[in-house]
Structure formats: structure tokens, C-alpha cells
Amino acid sequence: MIRVVVVDDEHLVRAGLRLILEAAEDITVVGEAADGAGAVEQAHRLRPDVVLLDVRMPGVDGLTVAPEVVSAGPKVIMLTTFDLDEYVHRALRAGAVGFLLKDTPPRELAAAVRTVAAGNAMLAPTVTRRLISSFAERGPARREAARQRLAPLTARELEIVREVARGLGNAEIARQLTMSEATVKAHVSRALAKLQAGNRVQLAILVHDADLL
């Protein structure tokens, strides 16, 4: 079972998300919180696999606590009402693996939770890719710094990381580059270690910053 904590200041939103997620046989909601402080407490106490974390909440919001929640171990998906939210990019840099709009269809919501729990980033939805592209600052200094960070990668690792930044999963990359999925996974793991990146989203942001797409 995939264990999920739902964090939103609106009770009706939390209840709706719980209803949708628990309709799936492989997902259970183990906790809820109404603010960022509660999110941190639940993440440490319940050790969920995934936390759905609202961006904007009264008191301590999701953006502020995203790094603390991530450090507790779960994968974090940001929830937002708006198609483009300038705060989400900062949350992705803090280690969140993607974000969903609150009006995401039920089937897509459950699929997103499964995708993230499996260790993949939410890069496929056009909303996420557009946000990363729009808010990555690509000035000359940032571009050069990003390219220097990517320098330790081999040519093959860089090729695979660029495909990650395009939103492809391991299986899709394997088919495109004619290699096994296990080989792709190994290259991604080595790239993450070399770049000291927490997840695939951070790899994607670095590629976008380097302007390599």
C-alpha cells in the first residue's frame, strides 16, 4: 500500500482528496494536516510514502516547510489552485517532486501518487514542464554555473539527464536510446550522486538552467 498524508487548510479539500485516493486499492491516506507545522509533524511521526502539500495556507504554509517535509523522507507533491504559481518553482528546488492542480481528475491524481511513490518525478504534465521552463532563471551567470555543475557527467549520463528533463520516464528513455531500463536507472542514479541532486526534478531544473534543451 502507498501511504499518503494530505495537507490543506480547507477541510472539504482534504475530505475530497481522501475520498478520491482511498477509492484506489493500492493507496491509503494515513493522516491529514491543516497547515505546514502539522505537515512536518505528520511526516516525521507517520513516515508516509507521499505527502500532498498545499502551497498556500494560513500560518505556516507549504512552501516554507517543504524542505523539512522532504528531509523526513516522503516524496512531496505540491498542490496549487493556479496553473502558474511562482512559489512552486522554489518548492521544486527544495526537493518536491512535482505539483498538481486541485482540480486534477481523480484517475490522474491516483496515477500521480503512484508515479511519485515509484521514484519518478511529475514532469510529464505540460503544466509542470511549463512552470519549470518559465521560472528557471537563465541569465548568463546561472547558465554558466549550471553547465559547470553538469561538467562531471559523462556524455551518456548527460544525454540521459536531458531526456529526464524532457519529462521521460526510465522505460521511455530506454526505448529511445536502445538500452535496458536497468542501465538507464543506473545512469540516473550516478548522475544524481555526482550532482548531489535529491531527485529527478532537480536534475531537470539544472538542465533547464543550463539551457541544454
N, C-alpha and C. Protein backbone atom coordinates (compact mmCIF):
# COMPACT_ATOMS: atom_id res chain seq x y z
N MET A 1 0.83 -1.21 0.00
CA MET A 1 0.00 0.00 0.00
C MET A 1 0.87 1.26 0.00
N ILE A 2 0.45 2.25 -0.75
CA ILE A 2 1.13 3.55 -0.76
C ILE A 2 0.49 4.41 0.32
N ARG A 3 1.28 4.86 1.27
CA ARG A 3 0.77 5.60 2.42
C ARG A 3 0.91 7.11 2.14
N VAL A 4 -0.20 7.84 2.28
CA VAL A 4 -0.25 9.24 1.89
C VAL A 4 -0.73 10.11 3.05
N VAL A 5 -0.13 11.29 3.17
CA VAL A 5 -0.63 12.33 4.07
C VAL A 5 -1.11 13.50 3.21
N VAL A 6 -2.28 14.02 3.51
CA VAL A 6 -2.88 15.13 2.78
C VAL A 6 -2.83 16.39 3.64
N VAL A 7 -2.27 17.47 3.07
CA VAL A 7 -2.12 18.72 3.83
C VAL A 7 -2.79 19.86 3.06
N ASP A 8 -3.85 20.41 3.64
CA ASP A 8 -4.57 21.54 3.05
C ASP A 8 -5.37 22.21 4.16
N ASP A 9 -5.45 23.54 4.12
CA ASP A 9 -6.16 24.24 5.19
C ASP A 9 -7.68 24.10 5.08
N GLU A 10 -8.19 23.67 3.94
CA GLU A 10 -9.63 23.53 3.77
C GLU A 10 -10.06 22.08 4.02
N HIS A 11 -10.96 21.92 4.98
CA HIS A 11 -11.42 20.58 5.35
C HIS A 11 -12.07 19.86 4.17
N LEU A 12 -12.87 20.58 3.40
CA LEU A 12 -13.56 19.94 2.27
C LEU A 12 -12.57 19.44 1.22
N VAL A 13 -11.49 20.19 1.01
CA VAL A 13 -10.47 19.75 0.06
C VAL A 13 -9.80 18.47 0.56
N ARG A 14 -9.44 18.46 1.83
CA ARG A 14 -8.82 17.25 2.40
C ARG A 14 -9.76 16.06 2.30
N ALA A 15 -11.03 16.28 2.63
CA ALA A 15 -12.00 15.18 2.57
C ALA A 15 -12.16 14.67 1.13
N GLY A 16 -12.18 15.59 0.17
CA GLY A 16 -12.31 15.18 -1.22
C GLY A 16 -11.11 14.39 -1.71
N LEU A 17 -9.91 14.85 -1.34
CA LEU A 17 -8.70 14.14 -1.74
C LEU A 17 -8.64 12.75 -1.10
N ARG A 18 -9.04 12.67 0.17
CA ARG A 18 -9.06 11.37 0.85
C ARG A 18 -10.01 10.41 0.14
N LEU A 19 -11.20 10.91 -0.20
CA LEU A 19 -12.20 10.07 -0.86
C LEU A 19 -11.68 9.54 -2.19
N ILE A 20 -11.04 10.42 -2.97
CA ILE A 20 -10.51 10.03 -4.27
C ILE A 20 -9.40 8.99 -4.12
N LEU A 21 -8.46 9.28 -3.23
CA LEU A 21 -7.29 8.41 -3.10
C LEU A 21 -7.66 7.04 -2.53
N GLU A 22 -8.56 7.01 -1.55
CA GLU A 22 -8.88 5.73 -0.92
C GLU A 22 -9.82 4.88 -1.76
N ALA A 23 -10.28 5.44 -2.89
CA ALA A 23 -11.03 4.62 -3.84
C ALA A 23 -10.09 3.69 -4.60
N ALA A 24 -8.80 4.01 -4.56
CA ALA A 24 -7.79 3.15 -5.20
C ALA A 24 -7.40 2.03 -4.24
N GLU A 25 -7.25 0.84 -4.75
CA GLU A 25 -6.97 -0.32 -3.90
C GLU A 25 -5.57 -0.29 -3.30
N ASP A 26 -4.66 0.44 -3.95
CA ASP A 26 -3.26 0.41 -3.51
C ASP A 26 -2.83 1.68 -2.79
N ILE A 27 -3.76 2.56 -2.43
CA ILE A 27 -3.43 3.82 -1.76
C ILE A 27 -4.26 3.96 -0.50
N THR A 28 -3.62 4.39 0.59
CA THR A 28 -4.35 4.68 1.82
C THR A 28 -3.89 6.02 2.38
N VAL A 29 -4.81 6.82 2.87
CA VAL A 29 -4.49 8.09 3.50
C VAL A 29 -4.31 7.84 4.98
N VAL A 30 -3.09 8.01 5.47
CA VAL A 30 -2.79 7.69 6.86
C VAL A 30 -2.85 8.90 7.77
N GLY A 31 -2.96 10.11 7.18
CA GLY A 31 -3.01 11.30 8.02
C GLY A 31 -3.40 12.53 7.24
N GLU A 32 -3.85 13.55 7.98
CA GLU A 32 -4.19 14.84 7.40
C GLU A 32 -3.61 15.94 8.27
N ALA A 33 -3.37 17.09 7.67
CA ALA A 33 -2.93 18.27 8.42
C ALA A 33 -3.50 19.51 7.75
N ALA A 34 -3.68 20.57 8.54
CA ALA A 34 -4.29 21.80 8.03
C ALA A 34 -3.28 22.92 7.82
N ASP A 35 -2.02 22.68 8.19
CA ASP A 35 -1.01 23.72 7.98
C ASP A 35 0.37 23.09 7.90
N GLY A 36 1.38 23.93 7.66
CA GLY A 36 2.72 23.42 7.48
C GLY A 36 3.30 22.74 8.70
N ALA A 37 3.02 23.29 9.86
CA ALA A 37 3.54 22.68 11.09
C ALA A 37 2.99 21.27 11.25
N GLY A 38 1.71 21.11 10.96
CA GLY A 38 1.12 19.78 11.03
C GLY A 38 1.72 18.84 10.00
N ALA A 39 2.06 19.37 8.83
CA ALA A 39 2.67 18.54 7.79
C ALA A 39 4.00 17.97 8.26
N VAL A 40 4.83 18.81 8.89
CA VAL A 40 6.13 18.35 9.38
C VAL A 40 5.94 17.29 10.46
N GLU A 41 5.02 17.54 11.38
CA GLU A 41 4.77 16.58 12.47
C GLU A 41 4.31 15.24 11.92
N GLN A 42 3.36 15.27 10.97
CA GLN A 42 2.84 14.02 10.40
C GLN A 42 3.91 13.29 9.59
N ALA A 43 4.72 14.04 8.87
CA ALA A 43 5.76 13.40 8.06
C ALA A 43 6.74 12.64 8.94
N HIS A 44 7.12 13.23 10.07
CA HIS A 44 8.07 12.57 10.97
C HIS A 44 7.40 11.42 11.74
N ARG A 45 6.18 11.62 12.16
CA ARG A 45 5.53 10.61 13.01
C ARG A 45 4.99 9.43 12.22
N LEU A 46 4.38 9.71 11.07
CA LEU A 46 3.71 8.65 10.31
C LEU A 46 4.58 8.02 9.22
N ARG A 47 5.66 8.70 8.82
CA ARG A 47 6.56 8.20 7.79
C ARG A 47 5.80 7.75 6.53
N PRO A 48 5.00 8.64 5.94
CA PRO A 48 4.27 8.26 4.73
C PRO A 48 5.20 8.14 3.53
N ASP A 49 4.69 7.54 2.47
CA ASP A 49 5.44 7.46 1.22
C ASP A 49 5.34 8.76 0.43
N VAL A 50 4.16 9.39 0.48
CA VAL A 50 3.89 10.60 -0.29
C VAL A 50 3.14 11.59 0.57
N VAL A 51 3.49 12.88 0.44
CA VAL A 51 2.74 13.96 1.08
C VAL A 51 2.22 14.89 -0.01
N LEU A 52 0.90 15.10 -0.03
CA LEU A 52 0.30 16.12 -0.89
C LEU A 52 0.24 17.40 -0.07
N LEU A 53 0.97 18.42 -0.49
CA LEU A 53 1.21 19.61 0.33
C LEU A 53 0.72 20.87 -0.38
N ASP A 54 -0.27 21.54 0.23
CA ASP A 54 -0.82 22.76 -0.35
C ASP A 54 0.24 23.87 -0.31
N VAL A 55 0.32 24.65 -1.40
CA VAL A 55 1.29 25.73 -1.47
C VAL A 55 0.95 26.85 -0.50
N ARG A 56 -0.29 27.28 -0.52
CA ARG A 56 -0.69 28.44 0.28
C ARG A 56 -1.64 28.03 1.38
N MET A 57 -1.24 28.29 2.63
CA MET A 57 -2.09 28.02 3.79
C MET A 57 -1.84 29.11 4.83
N PRO A 58 -2.85 29.42 5.65
CA PRO A 58 -2.63 30.38 6.74
C PRO A 58 -1.58 29.87 7.71
N GLY A 59 -0.93 30.77 8.40
CA GLY A 59 0.11 30.35 9.33
C GLY A 59 1.35 29.91 8.58
N VAL A 60 1.80 28.71 8.85
CA VAL A 60 2.98 28.16 8.18
C VAL A 60 2.53 27.45 6.91
N ASP A 61 2.94 27.96 5.75
CA ASP A 61 2.45 27.39 4.50
C ASP A 61 3.34 26.27 3.97
N GLY A 62 2.87 25.65 2.89
CA GLY A 62 3.58 24.51 2.33
C GLY A 62 4.93 24.86 1.77
N LEU A 63 5.03 26.04 1.18
CA LEU A 63 6.30 26.46 0.60
C LEU A 63 7.40 26.55 1.66
N THR A 64 7.03 27.08 2.82
CA THR A 64 8.01 27.26 3.90
C THR A 64 8.52 25.94 4.44
N VAL A 65 7.62 24.96 4.57
CA VAL A 65 8.00 23.71 5.24
C VAL A 65 8.40 22.61 4.27
N ALA A 66 8.31 22.84 2.96
CA ALA A 66 8.64 21.77 2.00
C ALA A 66 10.00 21.12 2.27
N PRO A 67 11.08 21.91 2.52
CA PRO A 67 12.36 21.25 2.79
C PRO A 67 12.34 20.34 4.01
N GLU A 68 11.63 20.76 5.07
CA GLU A 68 11.56 19.94 6.28
C GLU A 68 10.78 18.66 6.03
N VAL A 69 9.70 18.76 5.28
CA VAL A 69 8.91 17.57 4.97
C VAL A 69 9.73 16.60 4.13
N VAL A 70 10.42 17.13 3.13
CA VAL A 70 11.27 16.29 2.27
C VAL A 70 12.36 15.60 3.09
N SER A 71 12.94 16.33 4.03
CA SER A 71 14.02 15.75 4.84
C SER A 71 13.54 14.61 5.73
N ALA A 72 12.24 14.56 5.99
CA ALA A 72 11.68 13.47 6.80
C ALA A 72 11.55 12.19 6.01
N GLY A 73 11.69 12.26 4.69
CA GLY A 73 11.71 11.04 3.88
C GLY A 73 10.66 10.88 2.81
N PRO A 74 9.45 11.44 2.96
CA PRO A 74 8.45 11.19 1.93
C PRO A 74 8.69 11.97 0.65
N LYS A 75 8.11 11.48 -0.44
CA LYS A 75 8.07 12.24 -1.68
C LYS A 75 6.99 13.31 -1.53
N VAL A 76 7.25 14.52 -2.01
CA VAL A 76 6.31 15.62 -1.83
C VAL A 76 5.78 16.10 -3.17
N ILE A 77 4.46 16.18 -3.27
CA ILE A 77 3.79 16.80 -4.42
C ILE A 77 3.09 18.05 -3.91
N MET A 78 3.37 19.18 -4.54
CA MET A 78 2.71 20.41 -4.16
C MET A 78 1.32 20.47 -4.79
N LEU A 79 0.37 21.00 -4.02
CA LEU A 79 -0.98 21.23 -4.53
C LEU A 79 -1.17 22.72 -4.73
N THR A 80 -1.77 23.12 -5.84
CA THR A 80 -1.98 24.53 -6.09
C THR A 80 -3.29 24.74 -6.83
N THR A 81 -3.89 25.89 -6.61
CA THR A 81 -5.14 26.24 -7.29
C THR A 81 -4.86 26.81 -8.67
N PHE A 82 -3.65 27.38 -8.85
CA PHE A 82 -3.37 28.15 -10.05
C PHE A 82 -2.47 27.38 -11.00
N ASP A 83 -2.69 27.62 -12.29
CA ASP A 83 -1.94 26.95 -13.34
C ASP A 83 -0.46 27.31 -13.28
N LEU A 84 -0.17 28.59 -13.01
CA LEU A 84 1.21 29.03 -12.87
C LEU A 84 1.36 29.70 -11.51
N ASP A 85 2.21 29.16 -10.70
CA ASP A 85 2.40 29.69 -9.35
C ASP A 85 3.89 29.89 -9.13
N GLU A 86 4.29 31.14 -8.98
CA GLU A 86 5.71 31.45 -8.90
C GLU A 86 6.39 30.81 -7.69
N TYR A 87 5.62 30.43 -6.68
CA TYR A 87 6.22 29.84 -5.49
C TYR A 87 6.59 28.37 -5.69
N VAL A 88 5.93 27.68 -6.61
CA VAL A 88 6.15 26.25 -6.75
C VAL A 88 7.57 25.94 -7.22
N HIS A 89 8.13 26.82 -8.05
CA HIS A 89 9.48 26.57 -8.53
C HIS A 89 10.46 26.50 -7.37
N ARG A 90 10.28 27.37 -6.38
CA ARG A 90 11.14 27.31 -5.19
C ARG A 90 10.93 26.00 -4.43
N ALA A 91 9.71 25.53 -4.39
CA ALA A 91 9.43 24.28 -3.71
C ALA A 91 10.09 23.10 -4.42
N LEU A 92 10.09 23.13 -5.76
CA LEU A 92 10.77 22.08 -6.51
C LEU A 92 12.26 22.07 -6.21
N ARG A 93 12.84 23.27 -6.11
CA ARG A 93 14.25 23.34 -5.74
C ARG A 93 14.50 22.80 -4.35
N ALA A 94 13.49 22.88 -3.50
CA ALA A 94 13.63 22.40 -2.12
C ALA A 94 13.49 20.88 -2.04
N GLY A 95 13.13 20.25 -3.15
CA GLY A 95 13.07 18.79 -3.15
C GLY A 95 11.72 18.19 -3.46
N ALA A 96 10.67 19.01 -3.63
CA ALA A 96 9.39 18.46 -4.04
C ALA A 96 9.53 17.85 -5.44
N VAL A 97 8.75 16.82 -5.72
CA VAL A 97 8.93 16.12 -6.99
C VAL A 97 7.89 16.49 -8.03
N GLY A 98 7.11 17.51 -7.76
CA GLY A 98 6.15 17.94 -8.76
C GLY A 98 4.99 18.67 -8.12
N PHE A 99 3.97 18.94 -8.90
CA PHE A 99 2.78 19.55 -8.33
C PHE A 99 1.57 19.19 -9.15
N LEU A 100 0.42 19.29 -8.49
CA LEU A 100 -0.86 19.00 -9.12
C LEU A 100 -1.81 20.17 -8.90
N LEU A 101 -2.66 20.41 -9.87
CA LEU A 101 -3.75 21.35 -9.66
C LEU A 101 -4.83 20.66 -8.83
N LYS A 102 -5.52 21.43 -8.03
CA LYS A 102 -6.54 20.84 -7.15
C LYS A 102 -7.72 20.27 -7.92
N ASP A 103 -7.89 20.68 -9.17
CA ASP A 103 -8.98 20.13 -9.96
C ASP A 103 -8.52 18.98 -10.87
N THR A 104 -7.37 18.39 -10.54
CA THR A 104 -6.89 17.23 -11.29
C THR A 104 -7.93 16.11 -11.25
N PRO A 105 -8.26 15.49 -12.38
CA PRO A 105 -9.23 14.39 -12.38
C PRO A 105 -8.81 13.26 -11.45
N PRO A 106 -9.78 12.59 -10.80
CA PRO A 106 -9.46 11.54 -9.82
C PRO A 106 -8.48 10.49 -10.32
N ARG A 107 -8.68 10.00 -11.54
CA ARG A 107 -7.80 8.94 -12.05
C ARG A 107 -6.36 9.45 -12.17
N GLU A 108 -6.20 10.71 -12.61
CA GLU A 108 -4.86 11.28 -12.75
C GLU A 108 -4.21 11.52 -11.39
N LEU A 109 -5.02 11.88 -10.41
CA LEU A 109 -4.49 12.10 -9.06
C LEU A 109 -3.89 10.82 -8.50
N ALA A 110 -4.64 9.73 -8.59
CA ALA A 110 -4.14 8.44 -8.10
C ALA A 110 -2.91 8.00 -8.88
N ALA A 111 -2.93 8.21 -10.20
CA ALA A 111 -1.77 7.84 -11.04
C ALA A 111 -0.55 8.65 -10.65
N ALA A 112 -0.76 9.93 -10.33
CA ALA A 112 0.36 10.79 -9.94
C ALA A 112 0.99 10.30 -8.65
N VAL A 113 0.16 9.91 -7.71
CA VAL A 113 0.68 9.40 -6.44
C VAL A 113 1.49 8.13 -6.67
N ARG A 114 1.00 7.25 -7.53
CA ARG A 114 1.75 6.02 -7.83
C ARG A 114 3.08 6.34 -8.51
N THR A 115 3.05 7.28 -9.44
CA THR A 115 4.27 7.65 -10.16
C THR A 115 5.34 8.16 -9.20
N VAL A 116 4.94 9.04 -8.31
CA VAL A 116 5.88 9.63 -7.36
C VAL A 116 6.37 8.59 -6.36
N ALA A 117 5.46 7.76 -5.88
CA ALA A 117 5.86 6.71 -4.92
C ALA A 117 6.87 5.76 -5.52
N ALA A 118 6.80 5.59 -6.84
CA ALA A 118 7.74 4.69 -7.53
C ALA A 118 9.10 5.35 -7.78
N GLY A 119 9.22 6.62 -7.39
CA GLY A 119 10.51 7.30 -7.52
C GLY A 119 10.66 8.17 -8.74
N ASN A 120 9.56 8.38 -9.47
CA ASN A 120 9.62 9.22 -10.65
C ASN A 120 9.08 10.61 -10.35
N ALA A 121 9.51 11.58 -11.13
CA ALA A 121 9.06 12.96 -10.94
C ALA A 121 7.84 13.24 -11.80
N MET A 122 7.07 14.24 -11.37
CA MET A 122 5.89 14.64 -12.13
C MET A 122 6.29 15.65 -13.21
N LEU A 123 7.01 15.20 -14.21
CA LEU A 123 7.44 16.09 -15.28
C LEU A 123 6.61 15.95 -16.54
N ALA A 124 5.87 14.89 -16.67
CA ALA A 124 5.12 14.67 -17.89
C ALA A 124 4.00 15.69 -18.12
N PRO A 125 3.22 16.06 -17.09
CA PRO A 125 2.14 17.03 -17.34
C PRO A 125 2.71 18.33 -17.89
N THR A 126 2.03 18.88 -18.90
CA THR A 126 2.52 20.11 -19.52
C THR A 126 2.61 21.25 -18.52
N VAL A 127 1.74 21.26 -17.55
CA VAL A 127 1.75 22.33 -16.54
C VAL A 127 3.09 22.34 -15.82
N THR A 128 3.58 21.18 -15.42
CA THR A 128 4.83 21.12 -14.68
C THR A 128 6.00 21.54 -15.53
N ARG A 129 6.05 21.03 -16.77
CA ARG A 129 7.16 21.39 -17.64
C ARG A 129 7.17 22.89 -17.92
N ARG A 130 5.97 23.45 -18.12
CA ARG A 130 5.90 24.88 -18.42
C ARG A 130 6.36 25.70 -17.23
N LEU A 131 5.99 25.27 -16.04
CA LEU A 131 6.40 26.02 -14.85
C LEU A 131 7.91 25.99 -14.70
N ILE A 132 8.51 24.82 -14.86
CA ILE A 132 9.96 24.73 -14.73
C ILE A 132 10.65 25.61 -15.77
N SER A 133 10.14 25.57 -17.00
CA SER A 133 10.74 26.37 -18.06
C SER A 133 10.54 27.86 -17.80
N SER A 134 9.36 28.24 -17.31
CA SER A 134 9.05 29.65 -17.13
C SER A 134 9.82 30.29 -16.01
N PHE A 135 10.04 29.55 -14.93
CA PHE A 135 10.61 30.17 -13.75
C PHE A 135 12.09 29.85 -13.52
N ALA A 136 12.65 28.99 -14.35
CA ALA A 136 14.10 28.80 -14.26
C ALA A 136 14.77 30.07 -14.79
N GLU A 137 15.63 30.63 -13.97
CA GLU A 137 16.29 31.87 -14.37
C GLU A 137 17.50 31.52 -15.24
N ARG A 138 17.48 31.99 -16.48
CA ARG A 138 18.51 31.56 -17.43
C ARG A 138 19.45 32.69 -17.81
N GLY A 139 19.81 33.53 -16.88
CA GLY A 139 20.80 34.55 -17.15
C GLY A 139 22.15 33.90 -17.40
N PRO A 140 23.09 34.65 -18.00
CA PRO A 140 24.40 34.08 -18.34
C PRO A 140 25.12 33.47 -17.14
N ALA A 141 25.06 34.13 -15.99
CA ALA A 141 25.77 33.61 -14.82
C ALA A 141 25.16 32.30 -14.36
N ARG A 142 23.83 32.23 -14.31
CA ARG A 142 23.18 30.99 -13.88
C ARG A 142 23.42 29.89 -14.89
N ARG A 143 23.35 30.23 -16.18
CA ARG A 143 23.58 29.23 -17.22
C ARG A 143 24.97 28.64 -17.10
N GLU A 144 25.98 29.49 -16.91
CA GLU A 144 27.35 29.01 -16.80
C GLU A 144 27.55 28.17 -15.55
N ALA A 145 26.94 28.60 -14.44
CA ALA A 145 27.05 27.84 -13.18
C ALA A 145 26.43 26.46 -13.34
N ALA A 146 25.28 26.40 -14.01
CA ALA A 146 24.62 25.11 -14.22
C ALA A 146 25.46 24.20 -15.10
N ARG A 147 26.06 24.76 -16.14
CA ARG A 147 26.88 23.94 -17.03
C ARG A 147 28.13 23.43 -16.32
N GLN A 148 28.68 24.22 -15.43
CA GLN A 148 29.83 23.76 -14.65
C GLN A 148 29.42 22.61 -13.72
N ARG A 149 28.24 22.71 -13.14
CA ARG A 149 27.76 21.63 -12.28
C ARG A 149 27.56 20.34 -13.06
N LEU A 150 27.15 20.46 -14.33
CA LEU A 150 26.90 19.28 -15.16
C LEU A 150 28.18 18.69 -15.74
N ALA A 151 29.27 19.42 -15.64
CA ALA A 151 30.53 19.01 -16.28
C ALA A 151 31.02 17.62 -15.87
N PRO A 152 30.84 17.18 -14.61
CA PRO A 152 31.35 15.85 -14.23
C PRO A 152 30.64 14.68 -14.92
N LEU A 153 29.49 14.94 -15.53
CA LEU A 153 28.75 13.84 -16.16
C LEU A 153 29.44 13.36 -17.43
N THR A 154 29.34 12.06 -17.68
CA THR A 154 29.81 11.53 -18.95
C THR A 154 28.84 11.95 -20.04
N ALA A 155 29.24 11.77 -21.29
CA ALA A 155 28.36 12.13 -22.40
C ALA A 155 27.06 11.35 -22.34
N ARG A 156 27.13 10.06 -21.99
CA ARG A 156 25.93 9.24 -21.91
C ARG A 156 25.04 9.68 -20.75
N GLU A 157 25.64 9.98 -19.61
CA GLU A 157 24.85 10.46 -18.47
C GLU A 157 24.15 11.77 -18.79
N LEU A 158 24.85 12.67 -19.47
CA LEU A 158 24.25 13.94 -19.84
C LEU A 158 23.10 13.73 -20.82
N GLU A 159 23.29 12.81 -21.76
CA GLU A 159 22.23 12.51 -22.72
C GLU A 159 20.97 12.03 -22.00
N ILE A 160 21.16 11.16 -21.02
CA ILE A 160 20.02 10.62 -20.28
C ILE A 160 19.38 11.68 -19.40
N VAL A 161 20.20 12.51 -18.77
CA VAL A 161 19.66 13.58 -17.92
C VAL A 161 18.83 14.56 -18.74
N ARG A 162 19.25 14.82 -19.97
CA ARG A 162 18.47 15.71 -20.84
C ARG A 162 17.11 15.10 -21.15
N GLU A 163 17.06 13.78 -21.31
CA GLU A 163 15.77 13.13 -21.55
C GLU A 163 14.89 13.18 -20.30
N VAL A 164 15.52 13.07 -19.14
CA VAL A 164 14.77 13.23 -17.89
C VAL A 164 14.13 14.62 -17.84
N ALA A 165 14.90 15.62 -18.25
CA ALA A 165 14.40 17.00 -18.24
C ALA A 165 13.26 17.20 -19.24
N ARG A 166 13.20 16.35 -20.24
CA ARG A 166 12.10 16.44 -21.21
C ARG A 166 10.83 15.76 -20.70
N GLY A 167 10.94 15.13 -19.52
CA GLY A 167 9.78 14.51 -18.91
C GLY A 167 9.62 13.03 -19.18
N LEU A 168 10.66 12.38 -19.70
CA LEU A 168 10.56 10.96 -19.99
C LEU A 168 10.89 10.11 -18.77
N GLY A 169 10.18 9.00 -18.62
CA GLY A 169 10.49 8.04 -17.58
C GLY A 169 11.59 7.10 -18.03
N ASN A 170 12.06 6.24 -17.13
CA ASN A 170 13.16 5.33 -17.46
C ASN A 170 12.83 4.41 -18.64
N ALA A 171 11.61 3.88 -18.67
CA ALA A 171 11.24 2.96 -19.74
C ALA A 171 11.24 3.67 -21.09
N GLU A 172 10.73 4.90 -21.12
CA GLU A 172 10.70 5.66 -22.37
C GLU A 172 12.11 6.00 -22.84
N ILE A 173 12.98 6.36 -21.91
CA ILE A 173 14.37 6.68 -22.27
C ILE A 173 15.06 5.43 -22.81
N ALA A 174 14.80 4.29 -22.16
CA ALA A 174 15.42 3.03 -22.60
C ALA A 174 15.02 2.71 -24.03
N ARG A 175 13.75 2.88 -24.36
CA ARG A 175 13.30 2.60 -25.73
C ARG A 175 13.93 3.57 -26.72
N GLN A 176 14.00 4.84 -26.34
CA GLN A 176 14.51 5.85 -27.25
C GLN A 176 16.00 5.68 -27.51
N LEU A 177 16.75 5.29 -26.48
CA LEU A 177 18.21 5.18 -26.63
C LEU A 177 18.68 3.75 -26.84
N THR A 178 17.74 2.83 -26.97
CA THR A 178 18.04 1.42 -27.24
C THR A 178 18.99 0.84 -26.18
N MET A 179 18.53 0.88 -24.95
CA MET A 179 19.28 0.27 -23.85
C MET A 179 18.28 -0.29 -22.85
N SER A 180 18.75 -1.04 -21.89
CA SER A 180 17.84 -1.62 -20.91
C SER A 180 17.38 -0.56 -19.91
N GLU A 181 16.22 -0.78 -19.33
CA GLU A 181 15.72 0.14 -18.32
C GLU A 181 16.64 0.16 -17.09
N ALA A 182 17.22 -1.00 -16.77
CA ALA A 182 18.14 -1.07 -15.64
C ALA A 182 19.38 -0.20 -15.88
N THR A 183 19.86 -0.17 -17.12
CA THR A 183 21.02 0.66 -17.46
C THR A 183 20.67 2.14 -17.31
N VAL A 184 19.48 2.52 -17.78
CA VAL A 184 19.05 3.91 -17.64
C VAL A 184 18.98 4.28 -16.17
N LYS A 185 18.37 3.41 -15.37
CA LYS A 185 18.24 3.69 -13.93
C LYS A 185 19.60 3.86 -13.28
N ALA A 186 20.57 3.04 -13.69
CA ALA A 186 21.92 3.15 -13.13
C ALA A 186 22.56 4.48 -13.51
N HIS A 187 22.40 4.89 -14.75
CA HIS A 187 22.95 6.18 -15.19
C HIS A 187 22.32 7.34 -14.43
N VAL A 188 21.00 7.28 -14.23
CA VAL A 188 20.31 8.34 -13.49
C VAL A 188 20.81 8.39 -12.05
N SER A 189 20.97 7.23 -11.44
CA SER A 189 21.46 7.17 -10.06
C SER A 189 22.85 7.77 -9.94
N ARG A 190 23.73 7.46 -10.91
CA ARG A 190 25.08 8.02 -10.88
C ARG A 190 25.05 9.53 -11.08
N ALA A 191 24.18 10.00 -11.97
CA ALA A 191 24.06 11.45 -12.20
C ALA A 191 23.57 12.15 -10.94
N LEU A 192 22.59 11.58 -10.28
CA LEU A 192 22.08 12.16 -9.04
C LEU A 192 23.19 12.26 -8.00
N ALA A 193 23.99 11.21 -7.89
CA ALA A 193 25.07 11.19 -6.90
C ALA A 193 26.15 12.22 -7.26
N LYS A 194 26.56 12.26 -8.51
CA LYS A 194 27.60 13.19 -8.94
C LYS A 194 27.18 14.65 -8.72
N LEU A 195 25.91 14.93 -8.98
CA LEU A 195 25.43 16.31 -8.92
C LEU A 195 24.85 16.66 -7.55
N GLN A 196 24.83 15.66 -6.66
CA GLN A 196 24.26 15.86 -5.33
C GLN A 196 22.84 16.42 -5.42
N ALA A 197 22.09 15.85 -6.36
CA ALA A 197 20.70 16.25 -6.56
C ALA A 197 19.80 15.28 -5.81
N GLY A 198 18.72 15.82 -5.26
CA GLY A 198 17.84 14.99 -4.46
C GLY A 198 16.89 14.13 -5.26
N ASN A 199 16.53 14.56 -6.47
CA ASN A 199 15.56 13.81 -7.26
C ASN A 199 15.62 14.26 -8.72
N ARG A 200 14.77 13.65 -9.54
CA ARG A 200 14.78 13.91 -10.98
C ARG A 200 14.33 15.33 -11.32
N VAL A 201 13.47 15.90 -10.50
CA VAL A 201 13.04 17.27 -10.76
C VAL A 201 14.23 18.22 -10.67
N GLN A 202 15.08 18.02 -9.67
CA GLN A 202 16.25 18.89 -9.53
C GLN A 202 17.21 18.71 -10.70
N LEU A 203 17.30 17.49 -11.22
CA LEU A 203 18.10 17.28 -12.45
C LEU A 203 17.51 18.09 -13.59
N ALA A 204 16.19 18.04 -13.73
CA ALA A 204 15.53 18.74 -14.83
C ALA A 204 15.73 20.25 -14.73
N ILE A 205 15.61 20.79 -13.53
CA ILE A 205 15.79 22.23 -13.35
C ILE A 205 17.21 22.63 -13.72
N LEU A 206 18.18 21.80 -13.35
CA LEU A 206 19.58 22.10 -13.66
C LEU A 206 19.80 22.12 -15.17
N VAL A 207 19.21 21.18 -15.88
CA VAL A 207 19.32 21.15 -17.34
C VAL A 207 18.68 22.39 -17.96
N HIS A 208 17.52 22.77 -17.44
CA HIS A 208 16.84 23.97 -17.94
C HIS A 208 17.69 25.21 -17.65
N ASP A 209 18.25 25.28 -16.44
CA ASP A 209 19.12 26.43 -16.11
C ASP A 209 20.30 26.51 -17.05
N ALA A 210 20.83 25.34 -17.44
CA ALA A 210 21.99 25.31 -18.35
C ALA A 210 21.58 25.57 -19.79
N ASP A 211 20.27 25.65 -20.03
CA ASP A 211 19.75 25.93 -21.38
C ASP A 211 20.20 24.86 -22.37
N LEU A 212 20.07 23.60 -21.99
CA LEU A 212 20.54 22.49 -22.82
C LEU A 212 19.41 21.74 -23.52
N LEU A 213 18.20 22.32 -23.53
CA LEU A 213 17.10 21.68 -24.24
C LEU A 213 16.75 22.48 -25.48
